[in-house]
């Protein structure tokens, strides 16, 4: 299993690398112009990391489990695992393979949520990244608990519930804009009505990082469970 080490590696290591790099910078106003560039770089690296992890999980299982291989070739051979539907299809298929042997309790899901929040706080809480984006960071810290709870993740037939899926869709939209550099040539700015209707998490990198960490933890849990029941070795 060539991909195992990567699959089990936590996605927040990208945040740790970014926080360590920015420690070399002072916190005076002249460093603020770096923020946009650094946040975009972290975000693109994290989304790319997660897309590759989903691919590696699928490839590893397809290598050993021939029934899954047929499904994989039919449904995911050309998948990039960047949008929610592709991620959710793989999540549901792995849950179906495992059956009742994979069902996260609310206590386990609460632990995932708490760990994801603690990771962001411990890594970014005293960093330049937090200081450059203090308003968004405070919104994340103060509201995340009431907006995302254990009833909204790792459901029986959904990776995320509709509320969190909507935030992920905005995350994915921004991923596409940055990956294809459309802001450099698109002139169609958002309408005022769209800006006024902005909801929690629609344009907050800290919320997006949080959701990416949650998805990462769920998939690592699934992968470990598949190993434990020896569906492939």
Protein backbone atom coordinates (compact mmCIF):
# COMPACT_ATOMS: atom_id res chain seq x y z
CA UNK A 1 0.00 0.00 0.00
CA UNK A 2 2.19 2.77 -1.35
CA UNK A 3 -0.28 5.51 -0.45
CA UNK A 4 -0.88 4.59 3.19
CA UNK A 5 1.54 7.08 4.74
CA UNK A 6 0.05 9.94 2.74
CA UNK A 7 -3.55 8.88 3.44
CA UNK A 8 -2.92 8.82 7.19
CA UNK A 9 -1.06 12.14 7.23
CA UNK A 10 -3.21 15.00 8.61
CA UNK A 11 -4.16 17.83 6.30
CA UNK A 12 -3.40 20.50 8.92
CA UNK A 13 0.32 19.96 8.41
CA UNK A 14 -0.10 22.51 5.59
CA UNK A 15 -1.34 25.07 8.13
CA UNK A 16 1.62 24.26 10.37
CA UNK A 17 4.07 24.87 7.54
CA UNK A 18 2.43 28.21 6.71
CA UNK A 19 2.37 29.33 10.35
CA UNK A 20 6.05 28.44 10.74
CA UNK A 21 7.00 30.41 7.64
CA UNK A 22 5.11 33.51 8.76
CA UNK A 23 6.85 33.46 12.16
CA UNK A 24 9.80 35.02 10.37
CA UNK A 25 7.70 38.10 9.60
CA UNK A 26 6.98 40.98 11.93
CA UNK A 27 3.38 42.00 12.63
CA UNK A 28 3.60 45.57 11.44
CA UNK A 29 1.28 46.97 8.79
CA UNK A 30 3.77 46.54 5.95
CA UNK A 31 3.33 42.74 6.13
CA UNK A 32 -0.45 42.88 5.55
CA UNK A 33 -0.19 42.86 1.71
CA UNK A 34 1.24 39.33 1.98
CA UNK A 35 -2.01 38.05 3.46
CA UNK A 36 -3.99 37.57 0.26
CA UNK A 37 -1.17 35.69 -1.44
CA UNK A 38 -0.47 33.44 1.56
CA UNK A 39 -4.13 32.61 2.27
CA UNK A 40 -4.74 31.67 -1.35
CA UNK A 41 -1.63 29.48 -1.36
CA UNK A 42 -2.65 27.65 1.84
CA UNK A 43 -6.17 27.14 0.55
CA UNK A 44 -5.11 25.77 -2.83
CA UNK A 45 -2.57 23.45 -1.24
CA UNK A 46 -5.13 22.09 1.24
CA UNK A 47 -7.81 21.50 -1.39
CA UNK A 48 -5.28 19.83 -3.68
CA UNK A 49 -4.00 17.68 -0.80
CA UNK A 50 -7.52 16.48 -0.08
CA UNK A 51 -8.32 15.74 -3.71
CA UNK A 52 -5.20 13.58 -3.96
CA UNK A 53 -6.06 11.80 -0.71
CA UNK A 54 -9.49 10.78 -2.01
CA UNK A 55 -7.85 9.46 -5.19
CA UNK A 56 -5.28 7.49 -3.21
CA UNK A 57 -7.93 5.92 -0.98
CA UNK A 58 -9.94 4.87 -4.03
CA UNK A 59 -6.88 3.54 -5.87
CA UNK A 60 -5.67 1.55 -2.87
CA UNK A 61 -8.99 -0.17 -2.34
CA UNK A 62 -9.46 -0.80 -6.07
CA UNK A 63 -6.07 -2.49 -6.18
CA UNK A 64 -7.11 -5.18 -3.70
CA UNK A 65 -10.90 -5.31 -3.79
CA UNK A 66 -12.02 -6.39 -7.27
CA UNK A 67 -15.70 -5.64 -6.69
CA UNK A 68 -14.81 -2.10 -5.69
CA UNK A 69 -12.45 -1.90 -8.68
CA UNK A 70 -15.36 -2.39 -11.06
CA UNK A 71 -17.32 0.35 -9.28
CA UNK A 72 -14.27 2.62 -9.31
CA UNK A 73 -13.68 2.19 -13.05
CA UNK A 74 -17.33 2.88 -13.82
CA UNK A 75 -17.94 5.77 -11.46
CA UNK A 76 -14.63 7.41 -10.58
CA UNK A 77 -12.00 6.63 -13.20
CA UNK A 78 -12.10 10.26 -14.35
CA UNK A 79 -12.99 11.84 -11.02
CA UNK A 80 -10.84 14.61 -9.58
CA UNK A 81 -12.62 14.43 -6.20
CA UNK A 82 -12.72 18.20 -5.96
CA UNK A 83 -16.48 18.82 -5.85
CA UNK A 84 -18.83 17.67 -3.12
CA UNK A 85 -20.76 15.12 -5.21
CA UNK A 86 -17.59 13.17 -6.07
CA UNK A 87 -16.44 13.15 -2.46
CA UNK A 88 -19.89 12.16 -1.20
CA UNK A 89 -20.23 9.26 -3.68
CA UNK A 90 -16.97 7.72 -2.50
CA UNK A 91 -17.90 8.26 1.15
CA UNK A 92 -21.26 6.50 0.66
CA UNK A 93 -19.68 3.61 -1.23
CA UNK A 94 -17.09 2.99 1.48
CA UNK A 95 -19.80 3.16 4.14
CA UNK A 96 -21.82 0.60 2.17
CA UNK A 97 -18.82 -1.72 2.01
CA UNK A 98 -18.29 -1.47 5.75
CA UNK A 99 -21.97 -1.60 6.70
CA UNK A 100 -22.68 -1.28 10.39
CA UNK A 101 -19.00 -1.69 11.24
CA UNK A 102 -18.60 2.00 10.41
CA UNK A 103 -20.94 4.29 12.23
CA UNK A 104 -19.50 7.23 14.09
CA UNK A 105 -21.26 8.02 17.34
CA UNK A 106 -22.07 11.59 18.29
CA UNK A 107 -19.26 11.39 20.84
CA UNK A 108 -16.79 10.41 18.12
CA UNK A 109 -18.08 13.15 15.82
CA UNK A 110 -17.90 15.71 18.63
CA UNK A 111 -14.29 14.64 19.11
CA UNK A 112 -13.55 15.22 15.42
CA UNK A 113 -15.13 18.69 15.58
CA UNK A 114 -13.29 19.63 18.76
CA UNK A 115 -9.97 18.38 17.42
CA UNK A 116 -10.42 20.30 14.16
CA UNK A 117 -11.17 23.52 16.04
CA UNK A 118 -8.27 22.98 18.45
CA UNK A 119 -5.90 22.43 15.56
CA UNK A 120 -6.82 25.75 13.97
CA UNK A 121 -6.60 27.58 17.30
CA UNK A 122 -3.27 26.04 18.31
CA UNK A 123 -1.66 26.46 14.88
CA UNK A 124 -3.03 29.85 13.83
CA UNK A 125 -4.18 31.49 17.07
CA UNK A 126 -0.91 33.35 17.65
CA UNK A 127 0.20 33.65 14.06
CA UNK A 128 0.40 36.52 11.60
CA UNK A 129 -2.32 34.73 9.65
CA UNK A 130 -4.75 35.26 12.53
CA UNK A 131 -3.68 38.91 13.00
CA UNK A 132 -4.07 39.68 9.31
CA UNK A 133 -7.60 38.21 9.32
CA UNK A 134 -8.71 38.88 12.87
CA UNK A 135 -12.35 39.68 12.04
CA UNK A 136 -12.88 36.41 10.16
CA UNK A 137 -10.97 34.51 12.84
CA UNK A 138 -13.20 35.88 15.60
CA UNK A 139 -16.33 35.01 13.60
CA UNK A 140 -15.00 31.47 13.29
CA UNK A 141 -14.14 31.14 16.99
CA UNK A 142 -17.39 32.67 18.25
CA UNK A 143 -19.88 31.07 15.87
CA UNK A 144 -18.47 27.75 14.67
CA UNK A 145 -19.90 25.77 17.60
CA UNK A 146 -23.46 26.87 16.92
CA UNK A 147 -23.19 26.48 13.14
CA UNK A 148 -21.52 23.06 12.82
CA UNK A 149 -22.31 20.18 15.17
CA UNK A 150 -22.24 16.38 15.22
CA UNK A 151 -25.69 16.15 13.61
CA UNK A 152 -24.31 17.75 10.45
CA UNK A 153 -21.33 15.52 9.59
CA UNK A 154 -20.72 11.84 8.70
CA UNK A 155 -24.40 10.99 8.30
CA UNK A 156 -25.71 7.60 7.15
CA UNK A 157 -26.08 8.68 3.53
CA UNK A 158 -24.23 12.00 3.45
CA UNK A 159 -20.74 13.17 4.21
CA UNK A 160 -22.15 16.60 5.17
CA UNK A 161 -25.69 17.83 5.73
CA UNK A 162 -27.24 20.43 3.41
CA UNK A 163 -26.11 23.46 5.47
CA UNK A 164 -22.45 22.43 5.48
CA UNK A 165 -22.67 21.21 1.89
CA UNK A 166 -23.73 24.73 0.87
CA UNK A 167 -20.63 26.15 2.55
CA UNK A 168 -18.52 23.52 0.82
CA UNK A 169 -19.99 24.54 -2.53
CA UNK A 170 -18.79 28.11 -1.91
CA UNK A 171 -15.41 26.69 -0.91
CA UNK A 172 -15.34 24.72 -4.18
CA UNK A 173 -16.36 27.77 -6.21
CA UNK A 174 -13.47 29.74 -4.75
CA UNK A 175 -11.11 26.81 -5.36
CA UNK A 176 -12.04 26.88 -9.05
CA UNK A 177 -11.67 30.65 -9.30
CA UNK A 178 -8.18 30.52 -7.83
CA UNK A 179 -7.02 27.35 -9.58
CA UNK A 180 -8.00 28.74 -12.98
CA UNK A 181 -7.04 32.34 -12.14
CA UNK A 182 -10.41 33.66 -13.30
CA UNK A 183 -10.26 36.81 -11.09
CA UNK A 184 -7.46 38.09 -13.34
CA UNK A 185 -9.73 38.40 -16.37
CA UNK A 186 -13.37 38.16 -15.25
CA UNK A 187 -15.20 41.44 -15.01
CA UNK A 188 -18.56 40.15 -13.75
CA UNK A 189 -18.40 41.17 -10.09
CA UNK A 190 -21.04 39.84 -7.66
CA UNK A 191 -24.33 41.68 -7.47
CA UNK A 192 -25.07 43.66 -4.32
CA UNK A 193 -27.91 41.26 -3.50
CA UNK A 194 -25.46 38.34 -3.45
CA UNK A 195 -23.06 40.25 -1.21
CA UNK A 196 -25.91 41.19 1.14
CA UNK A 197 -27.05 37.55 1.35
CA UNK A 198 -23.63 36.28 2.41
CA UNK A 199 -24.09 33.66 5.11
CA UNK A 200 -21.81 32.20 7.73
CA UNK A 201 -18.77 30.53 6.17
CA UNK A 202 -19.41 31.72 2.63
CA UNK A 203 -16.12 33.62 2.39
CA UNK A 204 -14.22 32.72 5.56
CA UNK A 205 -10.96 30.83 5.05
CA UNK A 206 -10.90 29.64 8.68
CA UNK A 207 -14.30 27.98 8.28
CA UNK A 208 -13.11 26.41 5.03
CA UNK A 209 -9.92 25.11 6.68
CA UNK A 210 -12.09 23.68 9.46
CA UNK A 211 -14.37 21.82 7.05
CA UNK A 212 -11.40 20.43 5.12
CA UNK A 213 -9.90 19.10 8.37
CA UNK A 214 -13.24 17.50 9.33
CA UNK A 215 -13.54 15.73 5.97
CA UNK A 216 -9.92 14.61 6.26
CA UNK A 217 -10.56 13.06 9.70
CA UNK A 218 -13.69 11.25 8.53
CA UNK A 219 -11.89 9.72 5.54
CA UNK A 220 -8.88 8.69 7.62
CA UNK A 221 -11.30 6.98 10.02
CA UNK A 222 -12.97 5.16 7.13
CA UNK A 223 -9.65 4.04 5.69
CA UNK A 224 -8.44 2.71 9.05
CA UNK A 225 -11.68 0.81 9.50
CA UNK A 226 -11.32 -0.82 6.10
CA UNK A 227 -7.85 -1.96 7.09
CA UNK A 228 -9.13 -3.33 10.40
CA UNK A 229 -11.77 -5.53 8.79
CA UNK A 230 -9.15 -6.73 6.30
CA UNK A 231 -11.09 -6.03 3.15
CA UNK A 232 -7.71 -5.48 1.56
CA UNK A 233 -4.13 -5.94 2.77
